Protein backbone atom coordinates (compact mmCIF):
# COMPACT_ATOMS: atom_id res chain seq x y z
CA UNK A 1 18.64 18.41 28.92
CA UNK A 2 17.56 15.37 26.91
CA UNK A 3 19.50 12.17 26.55
CA UNK A 4 21.40 12.03 23.26
CA UNK A 5 19.95 8.58 22.59
CA UNK A 6 16.41 9.96 22.99
CA UNK A 7 17.16 12.75 20.54
CA UNK A 8 18.52 10.24 18.03
CA UNK A 9 15.48 7.99 18.41
CA UNK A 10 13.23 10.99 17.84
CA UNK A 11 15.10 11.91 14.65
CA UNK A 12 14.81 8.32 13.47
CA UNK A 13 11.10 8.20 14.22
CA UNK A 14 10.50 11.38 12.20
CA UNK A 15 12.36 9.93 9.21
CA UNK A 16 10.43 6.68 9.43
CA UNK A 17 7.14 8.55 9.77
CA UNK A 18 7.79 10.51 6.57
CA UNK A 19 8.86 7.39 4.70
CA UNK A 20 5.81 5.44 5.89
CA UNK A 21 3.43 8.30 5.05
CA UNK A 22 4.78 8.49 1.49
CA UNK A 23 4.58 4.72 1.09
CA UNK A 24 1.03 4.59 2.46
CA UNK A 25 -0.02 7.37 0.09
CA UNK A 26 1.47 5.53 -2.90
CA UNK A 27 -0.28 2.37 -1.74
CA UNK A 28 -3.66 4.11 -1.57
CA UNK A 29 -3.10 5.54 -5.05
CA UNK A 30 -2.33 2.09 -6.49
CA UNK A 31 -5.44 0.62 -4.87
CA UNK A 32 -7.63 3.49 -6.10
CA UNK A 33 -6.30 3.14 -9.68
CA UNK A 34 -6.98 -0.60 -9.63
CA UNK A 35 -10.54 -0.08 -8.39
CA UNK A 36 -11.15 2.61 -11.03
CA UNK A 37 -9.92 0.28 -13.80
CA UNK A 38 -12.22 -2.46 -12.47
CA UNK A 39 -15.17 -0.06 -12.39
CA UNK A 40 -14.53 0.95 -16.02
CA UNK A 41 -14.23 -2.74 -16.99
CA UNK A 42 -11.16 -1.93 -19.07
CA UNK A 43 -9.57 -5.39 -19.36
CA UNK A 44 -6.16 -4.15 -20.53
CA UNK A 45 -5.69 -1.52 -17.85
CA UNK A 46 -7.34 -3.72 -15.25
CA UNK A 47 -4.72 -6.46 -15.52
CA UNK A 48 -1.83 -4.03 -15.23
CA UNK A 49 -3.34 -1.95 -12.42
CA UNK A 50 -4.50 -4.92 -10.35
CA UNK A 51 -1.08 -6.54 -10.62
CA UNK A 52 0.63 -3.27 -9.63
CA UNK A 53 -1.75 -2.80 -6.69
CA UNK A 54 -1.18 -6.35 -5.45
CA UNK A 55 2.58 -5.86 -5.65
CA UNK A 56 2.37 -2.55 -3.76
CA UNK A 57 0.11 -4.06 -1.09
CA UNK A 58 2.33 -7.07 -0.48
CA UNK A 59 5.42 -4.86 -0.43
CA UNK A 60 3.83 -2.55 2.15
CA UNK A 61 2.91 -5.54 4.30
CA UNK A 62 6.43 -6.92 4.18
CA UNK A 63 7.80 -3.56 5.29
CA UNK A 64 5.31 -3.27 8.14
CA UNK A 65 3.34 -0.33 6.75
CA UNK A 66 0.14 -2.36 6.89
CA UNK A 67 -0.56 -5.68 8.63
CA UNK A 68 -0.25 -8.90 6.67
CA UNK A 69 -3.88 -9.90 7.27
CA UNK A 70 -5.06 -6.50 6.06
CA UNK A 71 -2.92 -6.86 2.94
CA UNK A 72 -4.29 -10.32 2.23
CA UNK A 73 -7.88 -9.13 2.69
CA UNK A 74 -7.44 -6.13 0.37
CA UNK A 75 -5.69 -8.21 -2.30
CA UNK A 76 -8.47 -10.79 -2.13
CA UNK A 77 -11.19 -8.20 -2.51
CA UNK A 78 -9.50 -6.53 -5.48
CA UNK A 79 -8.86 -9.88 -7.17
CA UNK A 80 -12.48 -10.93 -6.60
CA UNK A 81 -13.78 -7.66 -8.03
CA UNK A 82 -11.49 -7.97 -11.05
CA UNK A 83 -12.62 -11.54 -11.66
CA UNK A 84 -16.28 -10.49 -11.56
CA UNK A 85 -15.77 -7.51 -13.90
């Protein structure tokens, strides 16, 4: 017999895991799209995609999906690549 509180915590952890997995997947997609736009040197798409990726990265960091230093590093690298393109 398990403690009811342990069962509840397990249910909560499963919900959070699914939510975090979906958010991390969306984050990776945004980053990939930004990098693809930079590689194509498409100025119009690049601005939109880089801005969307930065927003998604900072949002993920604020929700604890990725660490703040990691978010800052990734944003910096994308911005640098966009500036050079």
